[in-house]
Amino acid sequence: MNYVGRFAPSPSGPLHAGSLVAALASWLDARAHDGRWLLRMEDVDTPRTVAGAADTIMAQLTALGLRWDGDVMWQSRRNVAYQAACDSLAARGLVYGCGCTRREIADSALRGPAAAPGADGERPYPGTCRHGLPPGRQARAWRVRIPEGIEHFEDRWLGPQEQDVARAVGDFALRRADGLWAYQLAVVVDDAEQGVTDVVRGADLLSSTARQRVLGRLLELPPVRYLHVPLILDPASGLKLSKQNGAPALSLDAPLDALQGAWRALGFDPIAADSPDSFLSVATARWARRFP
């Protein structure tokens, strides 16, 4: 199978040091396997999209020497594909309408046996509407029926992983109450459309992997390999660097220094290089030895 990787930032702001770590690892893994590296703008959550952010991200990647292959995919233009995927599941009775509000879901979860939230603060959906909407309620969101059982997978960085998706997550939303398609559906459909074989991303998305694998199997899509890289934490707060936490934009004044910083964050020794291209050439060879 020919390797196809991708980088899929949200255009809610420019890249920062944390997102560069994921971008660099993804690019290196693709190039080390003589594969293609695609760019996808995950702008399905349109209220969070910032005007001009996508152009800034593309300029940052170009300045760093992280050139992508082919055309950029935009999730905001993919509504027909997401609807088709949802319809295919609904035709097999795997989708149902949910009339619950977020507050009701949180309150039900607190009263239920799985009161403790997961590592990312998420509480499982308790299945309130799984067997039909309560009287007088209308569907606000649309959820997928998750089968029982533990999902096992091998992460190329972290090793063996498993999650009981039905218990830890529950029936998650495919279409949100605000009418927007959920990230979990969009990413699975888009990876299949682009022929992605390998996903390299930050460890903050590890908790989404098992459910995405389950959803992909329900949609009868090819499986994907995963590699989750460590996160960069803010030394003051201990929180991950993110746009939501106010991480500063990545400076383009010294692209080689930025690449060296991301490389060290991935656990590698510094590389003697005088340009981004020479750095990336050596880094690709070293990455190939570590992740053959």
Protein backbone atom coordinates (compact mmCIF):
# COMPACT_ATOMS: atom_id res chain seq x y z
CA MET A 1 0.00 0.00 0.00
CA ASN A 2 1.36 3.42 -0.96
CA TYR A 3 1.75 5.70 2.06
CA VAL A 4 -0.55 8.74 2.26
CA GLY A 5 -0.31 11.06 5.25
CA ARG A 6 -1.98 14.35 6.05
CA PHE A 7 -1.86 17.42 8.24
CA ALA A 8 -5.27 18.78 9.17
CA PRO A 9 -5.13 22.03 11.15
CA SER A 10 -8.15 24.01 12.24
CA PRO A 11 -8.00 27.53 10.73
CA SER A 12 -8.98 29.13 14.03
CA GLY A 13 -5.61 30.85 14.20
CA PRO A 14 -2.00 30.53 13.03
CA LEU A 15 0.26 27.60 13.81
CA HIS A 16 2.09 27.69 17.15
CA ALA A 17 4.99 25.68 18.55
CA GLY A 18 2.71 22.81 19.58
CA SER A 19 1.02 22.45 16.21
CA LEU A 20 4.40 22.55 14.48
CA VAL A 21 5.46 19.43 16.38
CA ALA A 22 2.51 17.53 14.88
CA ALA A 23 3.04 19.03 11.42
CA LEU A 24 6.73 18.18 11.38
CA ALA A 25 6.20 14.61 12.59
CA SER A 26 3.46 14.07 10.01
CA TRP A 27 5.59 15.47 7.18
CA LEU A 28 8.66 13.46 8.18
CA ASP A 29 6.71 10.21 8.45
CA ALA A 30 5.30 10.70 4.95
CA ARG A 31 8.63 11.60 3.38
CA ALA A 32 10.49 8.83 5.24
CA HIS A 33 8.09 6.33 3.65
CA ASP A 34 8.30 7.91 0.17
CA GLY A 35 4.67 8.85 0.56
CA ARG A 36 2.38 11.76 -0.19
CA TRP A 37 1.64 14.45 2.41
CA LEU A 38 -1.74 16.13 2.08
CA LEU A 39 -3.09 19.31 3.64
CA ARG A 40 -6.69 19.56 4.85
CA MET A 41 -8.29 22.57 6.49
CA GLU A 42 -10.63 21.31 9.19
CA ASP A 43 -13.03 24.22 9.01
CA VAL A 44 -16.20 22.18 9.56
CA ASP A 45 -16.74 24.16 12.80
CA THR A 46 -17.38 27.38 10.91
CA PRO A 47 -18.03 29.63 13.95
CA ARG A 48 -14.44 28.98 15.12
CA THR A 49 -12.88 29.73 11.74
CA VAL A 50 -10.87 32.96 11.68
CA ALA A 51 -10.67 34.91 8.44
CA GLY A 52 -7.21 34.70 6.92
CA ALA A 53 -5.99 31.95 9.28
CA ALA A 54 -5.83 29.30 6.54
CA ASP A 55 -3.65 31.54 4.36
CA THR A 56 -1.39 32.21 7.33
CA ILE A 57 -1.03 28.50 8.06
CA MET A 58 -0.13 27.74 4.45
CA ALA A 59 2.43 30.56 4.45
CA GLN A 60 3.95 29.22 7.68
CA LEU A 61 4.25 25.68 6.29
CA THR A 62 5.82 26.97 3.08
CA ALA A 63 8.38 29.07 4.95
CA LEU A 64 9.32 26.01 7.02
CA GLY A 65 9.84 23.88 3.90
CA LEU A 66 6.87 21.65 4.75
CA ARG A 67 5.40 21.50 1.26
CA TRP A 68 2.24 19.51 0.68
CA ASP A 69 1.14 17.44 -2.31
CA GLY A 70 -1.94 18.15 -4.40
CA ASP A 71 -4.82 20.48 -3.64
CA VAL A 72 -5.94 21.53 -0.19
CA MET A 73 -9.16 19.90 1.03
CA TRP A 74 -11.69 22.14 2.82
CA GLN A 75 -14.16 20.49 5.17
CA SER A 76 -16.61 23.36 4.80
CA ARG A 77 -17.16 22.22 1.18
CA ARG A 78 -17.82 18.59 2.06
CA ASN A 79 -21.42 18.66 3.34
CA VAL A 80 -22.69 16.34 0.61
CA ALA A 81 -20.13 13.66 1.51
CA TYR A 82 -20.96 13.87 5.22
CA GLN A 83 -24.68 13.63 4.52
CA ALA A 84 -24.14 10.57 2.32
CA ALA A 85 -22.15 8.85 5.08
CA CYS A 86 -24.81 9.65 7.67
CA ASP A 87 -27.56 8.42 5.33
CA SER A 88 -25.74 5.12 4.75
CA LEU A 89 -25.62 4.51 8.49
CA ALA A 90 -29.23 5.58 8.96
CA ALA A 91 -30.35 3.12 6.27
CA ARG A 92 -29.01 0.33 8.52
CA GLY A 93 -30.66 1.70 11.65
CA LEU A 94 -27.37 2.93 13.09
CA VAL A 95 -28.36 6.59 13.54
CA TYR A 96 -31.00 8.09 15.80
CA GLY A 97 -32.21 11.53 16.81
CA CYS A 98 -31.35 12.89 20.24
CA GLY A 99 -33.36 15.59 22.00
CA CYS A 100 -31.03 16.04 24.99
CA THR A 101 -29.36 19.32 25.86
CA ARG A 102 -25.74 19.42 27.04
CA ARG A 103 -26.90 20.14 30.57
CA GLU A 104 -29.24 17.16 30.56
CA ILE A 105 -26.49 14.88 29.28
CA ALA A 106 -24.09 16.09 31.98
CA ASP A 107 -26.72 15.66 34.72
CA SER A 108 -27.63 12.15 33.51
CA ALA A 109 -23.99 11.13 33.39
CA LEU A 110 -23.44 12.37 36.95
CA ARG A 111 -26.34 10.26 38.19
CA GLY A 112 -25.29 7.20 36.22
CA PRO A 113 -22.72 4.49 36.92
CA ALA A 114 -20.04 6.23 34.81
CA ALA A 115 -20.01 9.47 36.80
CA ALA A 116 -16.28 10.06 36.50
CA PRO A 117 -15.27 11.90 33.31
CA GLY A 118 -12.60 10.54 31.01
CA ALA A 119 -9.03 11.80 30.83
CA ASP A 120 -10.09 14.63 28.53
CA GLY A 121 -13.03 15.66 30.74
CA GLU A 122 -15.59 14.04 28.47
CA ARG A 123 -18.57 12.24 29.97
CA PRO A 124 -20.21 9.33 28.11
CA TYR A 125 -23.63 9.82 26.56
CA PRO A 126 -26.01 7.79 28.77
CA GLY A 127 -28.23 6.59 25.92
CA THR A 128 -31.31 8.59 26.95
CA CYS A 129 -32.78 8.73 23.43
CA ARG A 130 -31.36 5.45 22.09
CA HIS A 131 -34.76 3.74 22.10
CA GLY A 132 -36.79 6.75 21.01
CA LEU A 133 -37.30 10.40 21.83
CA PRO A 134 -39.15 11.18 25.07
CA PRO A 135 -42.71 12.46 24.54
CA GLY A 136 -42.85 16.05 23.38
CA ARG A 137 -39.17 16.20 22.42
CA GLN A 138 -37.68 16.78 18.98
CA ALA A 139 -34.32 15.68 17.67
CA ARG A 140 -31.58 18.25 18.21
CA ALA A 141 -28.59 16.11 17.24
CA TRP A 142 -28.05 12.81 15.46
CA ARG A 143 -26.06 10.03 17.10
CA VAL A 144 -24.49 6.78 15.92
CA ARG A 145 -25.25 3.50 17.71
CA ILE A 146 -21.96 2.19 19.05
CA PRO A 147 -21.68 -1.59 19.41
CA GLU A 148 -20.43 -3.15 22.61
CA GLY A 149 -16.88 -4.40 22.87
CA ILE A 150 -13.33 -3.18 23.38
CA GLU A 151 -11.51 -1.54 20.50
CA HIS A 152 -7.84 -2.53 20.33
CA PHE A 153 -5.22 -0.83 18.18
CA GLU A 154 -1.48 -0.34 18.00
CA ASP A 155 -0.13 3.19 18.20
CA ARG A 156 3.23 3.47 16.45
CA TRP A 157 4.59 5.79 19.18
CA LEU A 158 2.66 4.74 22.30
CA GLY A 159 2.23 1.03 21.70
CA PRO A 160 -0.90 -1.10 22.36
CA GLN A 161 -4.08 0.86 23.14
CA GLU A 162 -7.64 -0.10 23.93
CA GLN A 163 -10.94 1.54 24.79
CA ASP A 164 -14.47 0.35 25.46
CA VAL A 165 -16.06 3.02 23.29
CA ALA A 166 -19.64 2.16 24.23
CA ARG A 167 -18.91 2.65 27.94
CA ALA A 168 -16.28 5.40 27.81
CA VAL A 169 -17.90 7.53 25.10
CA GLY A 170 -21.34 6.18 24.31
CA ASP A 171 -23.30 6.98 21.17
CA PHE A 172 -21.52 10.11 19.96
CA ALA A 173 -22.96 12.81 17.71
CA LEU A 174 -22.54 12.80 13.94
CA ARG A 175 -24.49 16.02 13.51
CA ARG A 176 -24.59 18.57 16.27
CA ALA A 177 -27.54 20.46 17.71
CA ASP A 178 -26.40 23.60 15.85
CA GLY A 179 -26.70 21.76 12.53
CA LEU A 180 -22.96 21.44 11.94
CA TRP A 181 -21.35 18.10 11.16
CA ALA A 182 -19.30 16.71 14.02
CA TYR A 183 -15.54 16.46 13.79
CA GLN A 184 -15.59 12.71 14.42
CA LEU A 185 -17.64 12.02 11.28
CA ALA A 186 -15.86 14.56 9.10
CA VAL A 187 -12.36 13.30 9.85
CA VAL A 188 -13.24 9.65 9.18
CA VAL A 189 -14.99 10.42 5.89
CA ASP A 190 -12.24 12.78 4.73
CA ASP A 191 -9.39 10.40 5.55
CA ALA A 192 -11.09 7.75 3.43
CA GLU A 193 -11.78 10.19 0.59
CA GLN A 194 -8.13 11.26 0.50
CA GLY A 195 -6.85 7.69 0.71
CA VAL A 196 -5.01 8.37 3.96
CA THR A 197 -3.14 5.32 5.25
CA ASP A 198 -1.35 6.89 8.23
CA VAL A 199 -2.42 9.58 10.67
CA VAL A 200 0.29 11.31 12.68
CA ARG A 201 -1.05 13.85 15.17
CA GLY A 202 -0.83 15.10 18.75
CA ALA A 203 -1.53 12.87 21.74
CA ASP A 204 -4.48 15.07 22.69
CA LEU A 205 -6.43 13.28 19.93
CA LEU A 206 -5.59 9.79 21.17
CA SER A 207 -8.93 9.61 22.97
CA SER A 208 -10.72 10.08 19.64
CA THR A 209 -8.92 7.24 17.88
CA ALA A 210 -10.93 4.25 19.10
CA ARG A 211 -14.26 5.85 18.22
CA GLN A 212 -12.96 6.90 14.81
CA ARG A 213 -11.87 3.33 14.16
CA VAL A 214 -15.29 2.02 15.18
CA LEU A 215 -17.06 4.58 13.01
CA GLY A 216 -14.82 3.78 10.05
CA ARG A 217 -15.66 0.10 10.39
CA LEU A 218 -19.39 0.86 10.54
CA LEU A 219 -18.95 2.84 7.32
CA GLU A 220 -16.97 -0.08 5.83
CA LEU A 221 -13.91 2.10 5.22
CA PRO A 222 -10.26 0.95 5.11
CA PRO A 223 -8.47 1.01 8.48
CA VAL A 224 -5.81 3.65 9.19
CA ARG A 225 -2.55 3.40 11.17
CA TYR A 226 -1.95 5.95 13.94
CA LEU A 227 1.03 7.62 15.57
CA HIS A 228 0.42 10.13 18.37
CA VAL A 229 3.29 12.45 19.27
CA PRO A 230 3.88 14.12 22.65
CA LEU A 231 2.33 17.48 23.41
CA ILE A 232 4.20 20.66 24.28
CA LEU A 233 3.02 22.02 27.62
CA ASP A 234 3.03 25.60 28.81
CA PRO A 235 5.66 25.69 31.59
CA ALA A 236 3.62 28.18 33.62
CA SER A 237 0.17 26.58 33.50
CA GLY A 238 1.01 22.97 32.68
CA LEU A 239 -1.66 23.05 29.97
CA LYS A 240 -0.96 22.01 26.41
CA LEU A 241 -0.01 24.79 24.01
CA SER A 242 -3.12 25.56 21.99
CA LYS A 243 -4.94 28.42 20.37
CA GLN A 244 -7.63 28.19 23.05
CA ASN A 245 -4.97 28.59 25.74
CA GLY A 246 -3.44 31.62 24.06
CA ALA A 247 -0.33 30.04 22.57
CA PRO A 248 1.63 32.66 20.59
CA ALA A 249 1.76 32.36 16.82
CA LEU A 250 4.79 30.67 15.34
CA SER A 251 7.31 33.26 14.21
CA LEU A 252 8.64 33.00 10.66
CA ASP A 253 11.69 35.15 11.45
CA ALA A 254 13.83 32.07 12.15
CA PRO A 255 12.22 29.01 10.51
CA LEU A 256 15.26 26.80 11.12
CA ASP A 257 15.16 27.53 14.85
CA ALA A 258 11.46 26.68 14.90
CA LEU A 259 12.11 23.34 13.20
CA GLN A 260 14.96 22.55 15.58
CA GLY A 261 12.69 23.27 18.55
CA ALA A 262 9.96 20.96 17.25
CA TRP A 263 12.55 18.28 16.50
CA ARG A 264 13.91 18.41 20.05
CA ALA A 265 10.36 18.25 21.42
CA LEU A 266 10.01 14.96 19.56
CA GLY A 267 12.98 13.62 21.53
CA PHE A 268 15.73 13.89 18.92
CA ASP A 269 19.17 15.46 19.18
CA PRO A 270 19.78 18.77 17.34
CA ILE A 271 20.81 18.64 13.68
CA ALA A 272 23.66 20.64 12.21
CA ALA A 273 22.00 22.44 9.32
CA ASP A 274 22.10 25.86 7.66
CA SER A 275 18.63 25.91 6.08
CA PRO A 276 15.21 24.33 6.54
CA ASP A 277 15.74 22.11 3.48
CA SER A 278 19.08 20.74 4.71
CA PHE A 279 17.58 20.19 8.16
CA LEU A 280 14.59 18.31 6.73
CA SER A 281 16.82 16.09 4.61
CA VAL A 282 18.77 14.87 7.63
CA ALA A 283 15.68 14.70 9.85
CA THR A 284 13.87 12.51 7.32
CA ALA A 285 16.68 9.98 7.30
CA ARG A 286 16.79 9.88 11.11
CA TRP A 287 13.02 9.55 11.34
CA ALA A 288 13.09 6.63 8.87
CA ARG A 289 15.52 4.76 11.14
CA ARG A 290 13.34 5.28 14.20
CA PHE A 291 10.00 4.57 12.49
CA PRO A 292 10.72 2.18 9.63
